[in-house]
Amino acid sequence: YLKVRKGDNIFTPDNELHATYFPVKTVMVVSSKYPRDQETYERDTVREPLITADNIDEMLAKYA
């Protein structure tokens, strides 16, 4: 769990399983050494149900 504040930078290495949760309207800037057009992004993204509507309260209680 990592609580990020305005102005913070985060680095996620290649093949790192990660998820995000935004409890308020958020603006996020993402940069990558890879092309981030939609087709390329979808091709190298694997979606995992890490945070869901069913487990969000449990996840926040455990990690927040």
N, C-alpha and C. Protein backbone atom coordinates (compact mmCIF):
# COMPACT_ATOMS: atom_id res chain seq x y z
N TYR A 1 0.84 -1.17 0.00
CA TYR A 1 0.00 0.00 0.00
C TYR A 1 0.89 1.23 0.00
N LEU A 2 0.51 2.20 -0.82
CA LEU A 2 1.27 3.43 -0.91
C LEU A 2 0.29 4.59 -1.05
N LYS A 3 0.31 5.49 -0.10
CA LYS A 3 -0.55 6.66 -0.18
C LYS A 3 0.24 7.75 -0.90
N VAL A 4 -0.32 8.23 -1.98
CA VAL A 4 0.36 9.22 -2.82
C VAL A 4 -0.30 10.57 -2.64
N ARG A 5 0.53 11.58 -2.51
CA ARG A 5 0.03 12.95 -2.34
C ARG A 5 0.32 13.78 -3.59
N LYS A 6 -0.36 14.88 -3.72
CA LYS A 6 -0.17 15.78 -4.84
C LYS A 6 1.32 16.07 -5.05
N GLY A 7 1.76 15.91 -6.28
CA GLY A 7 3.16 16.19 -6.62
C GLY A 7 4.09 15.00 -6.49
N ASP A 8 3.63 13.89 -5.89
CA ASP A 8 4.48 12.71 -5.73
C ASP A 8 4.69 12.01 -7.08
N ASN A 9 5.81 11.35 -7.20
CA ASN A 9 6.12 10.51 -8.36
C ASN A 9 6.20 9.06 -7.90
N ILE A 10 5.75 8.16 -8.76
CA ILE A 10 5.79 6.72 -8.46
C ILE A 10 6.44 6.03 -9.64
N PHE A 11 7.29 5.06 -9.36
CA PHE A 11 7.88 4.24 -10.41
C PHE A 11 7.38 2.81 -10.26
N THR A 12 6.87 2.25 -11.33
CA THR A 12 6.46 0.86 -11.35
C THR A 12 7.30 0.14 -12.40
N PRO A 13 8.12 -0.83 -12.01
CA PRO A 13 8.97 -1.53 -12.97
C PRO A 13 8.16 -2.40 -13.92
N ASP A 14 8.79 -2.80 -15.01
CA ASP A 14 8.15 -3.69 -15.98
C ASP A 14 7.62 -4.94 -15.27
N ASN A 15 6.47 -5.40 -15.71
CA ASN A 15 5.85 -6.64 -15.23
C ASN A 15 5.49 -6.61 -13.75
N GLU A 16 5.36 -5.44 -13.17
CA GLU A 16 4.97 -5.32 -11.76
C GLU A 16 3.45 -5.27 -11.65
N LEU A 17 2.88 -6.21 -10.92
CA LEU A 17 1.45 -6.23 -10.70
C LEU A 17 1.10 -5.08 -9.75
N HIS A 18 0.18 -4.22 -10.17
CA HIS A 18 -0.18 -3.07 -9.35
C HIS A 18 -1.62 -2.65 -9.63
N ALA A 19 -2.16 -1.87 -8.73
CA ALA A 19 -3.54 -1.38 -8.88
C ALA A 19 -3.61 0.02 -8.30
N THR A 20 -4.62 0.75 -8.70
CA THR A 20 -4.83 2.09 -8.15
C THR A 20 -6.27 2.23 -7.69
N TYR A 21 -6.44 3.07 -6.69
CA TYR A 21 -7.77 3.40 -6.19
C TYR A 21 -7.77 4.90 -5.90
N PHE A 22 -8.73 5.61 -6.46
CA PHE A 22 -8.83 7.05 -6.27
C PHE A 22 -10.15 7.37 -5.59
N PRO A 23 -10.12 7.70 -4.30
CA PRO A 23 -11.37 7.98 -3.58
C PRO A 23 -11.96 9.34 -3.93
N VAL A 24 -11.18 10.19 -4.60
CA VAL A 24 -11.66 11.50 -5.04
C VAL A 24 -11.24 11.70 -6.49
N LYS A 25 -11.87 12.66 -7.15
CA LYS A 25 -11.50 12.96 -8.54
C LYS A 25 -10.01 13.28 -8.57
N THR A 26 -9.29 12.64 -9.47
CA THR A 26 -7.84 12.70 -9.49
C THR A 26 -7.32 12.92 -10.90
N VAL A 27 -6.27 13.70 -11.01
CA VAL A 27 -5.55 13.87 -12.27
C VAL A 27 -4.23 13.15 -12.10
N MET A 28 -3.91 12.28 -13.07
CA MET A 28 -2.68 11.52 -13.00
C MET A 28 -1.96 11.62 -14.34
N VAL A 29 -0.66 11.86 -14.31
CA VAL A 29 0.15 11.90 -15.52
C VAL A 29 1.00 10.63 -15.52
N VAL A 30 0.91 9.87 -16.60
CA VAL A 30 1.65 8.62 -16.72
C VAL A 30 2.68 8.76 -17.83
N SER A 31 3.90 8.34 -17.56
CA SER A 31 4.92 8.34 -18.59
C SER A 31 5.51 6.94 -18.69
N SER A 32 6.02 6.63 -19.86
CA SER A 32 6.53 5.29 -20.11
C SER A 32 7.58 5.34 -21.20
N LYS A 33 8.49 4.37 -21.17
CA LYS A 33 9.45 4.27 -22.27
C LYS A 33 8.83 3.55 -23.46
N TYR A 34 7.61 3.05 -23.30
CA TYR A 34 6.91 2.34 -24.36
C TYR A 34 5.82 3.22 -24.94
N PRO A 35 5.41 2.96 -26.17
CA PRO A 35 4.28 3.70 -26.75
C PRO A 35 3.03 3.50 -25.89
N ARG A 36 2.25 4.53 -25.68
CA ARG A 36 1.06 4.43 -24.85
C ARG A 36 -0.22 4.67 -25.63
N ASP A 37 -0.15 4.45 -26.95
CA ASP A 37 -1.40 4.48 -27.70
C ASP A 37 -2.28 3.34 -27.20
N GLN A 38 -3.58 3.45 -27.40
CA GLN A 38 -4.52 2.49 -26.81
C GLN A 38 -4.23 1.05 -27.23
N GLU A 39 -3.94 0.84 -28.51
CA GLU A 39 -3.70 -0.52 -28.99
C GLU A 39 -2.48 -1.15 -28.31
N THR A 40 -1.38 -0.42 -28.25
CA THR A 40 -0.17 -0.94 -27.60
C THR A 40 -0.39 -1.16 -26.11
N TYR A 41 -1.04 -0.21 -25.47
CA TYR A 41 -1.32 -0.31 -24.04
C TYR A 41 -2.14 -1.57 -23.73
N GLU A 42 -3.19 -1.79 -24.49
CA GLU A 42 -4.04 -2.97 -24.25
C GLU A 42 -3.29 -4.26 -24.53
N ARG A 43 -2.41 -4.25 -25.50
CA ARG A 43 -1.66 -5.47 -25.85
C ARG A 43 -0.71 -5.88 -24.73
N ASP A 44 -0.15 -4.92 -24.00
CA ASP A 44 0.80 -5.30 -22.94
C ASP A 44 0.22 -5.15 -21.53
N THR A 45 -1.09 -5.10 -21.43
CA THR A 45 -1.76 -5.01 -20.13
C THR A 45 -2.54 -6.28 -19.83
N VAL A 46 -2.36 -6.80 -18.63
CA VAL A 46 -3.13 -7.94 -18.16
C VAL A 46 -3.99 -7.45 -17.01
N ARG A 47 -5.28 -7.58 -17.13
CA ARG A 47 -6.18 -7.08 -16.09
C ARG A 47 -6.42 -8.17 -15.04
N GLU A 48 -6.19 -7.80 -13.79
CA GLU A 48 -6.41 -8.70 -12.66
C GLU A 48 -7.38 -8.01 -11.70
N PRO A 49 -8.30 -8.75 -11.10
CA PRO A 49 -9.27 -8.15 -10.18
C PRO A 49 -8.67 -7.91 -8.79
N LEU A 50 -7.72 -6.98 -8.71
CA LEU A 50 -7.07 -6.72 -7.42
C LEU A 50 -7.96 -5.91 -6.49
N ILE A 51 -8.58 -4.89 -7.02
CA ILE A 51 -9.49 -4.07 -6.24
C ILE A 51 -10.83 -4.07 -6.95
N THR A 52 -11.86 -4.50 -6.25
CA THR A 52 -13.19 -4.57 -6.84
C THR A 52 -14.20 -3.89 -5.92
N ALA A 53 -15.38 -3.66 -6.43
CA ALA A 53 -16.45 -3.09 -5.60
C ALA A 53 -16.74 -3.99 -4.41
N ASP A 54 -16.56 -5.29 -4.59
CA ASP A 54 -16.84 -6.25 -3.51
C ASP A 54 -15.78 -6.26 -2.41
N ASN A 55 -14.52 -5.90 -2.74
CA ASN A 55 -13.48 -6.00 -1.72
C ASN A 55 -12.84 -4.66 -1.32
N ILE A 56 -13.34 -3.55 -1.85
CA ILE A 56 -12.70 -2.27 -1.58
C ILE A 56 -12.67 -1.93 -0.09
N ASP A 57 -13.75 -2.16 0.63
CA ASP A 57 -13.75 -1.87 2.07
C ASP A 57 -12.73 -2.72 2.81
N GLU A 58 -12.65 -3.97 2.48
CA GLU A 58 -11.66 -4.87 3.09
C GLU A 58 -10.23 -4.43 2.76
N MET A 59 -9.98 -4.07 1.52
CA MET A 59 -8.65 -3.64 1.10
C MET A 59 -8.24 -2.35 1.82
N LEU A 60 -9.17 -1.40 1.93
CA LEU A 60 -8.86 -0.15 2.62
C LEU A 60 -8.61 -0.38 4.11
N ALA A 61 -9.41 -1.25 4.73
CA ALA A 61 -9.21 -1.55 6.14
C ALA A 61 -7.86 -2.23 6.38
N LYS A 62 -7.46 -3.07 5.46
CA LYS A 62 -6.22 -3.83 5.60
C LYS A 62 -4.98 -2.99 5.28
N TYR A 63 -5.06 -2.14 4.24
CA TYR A 63 -3.85 -1.49 3.74
C TYR A 63 -3.80 0.02 3.92
N ALA A 64 -4.92 0.66 4.17
CA ALA A 64 -4.91 2.13 4.25
C ALA A 64 -4.43 2.63 5.60
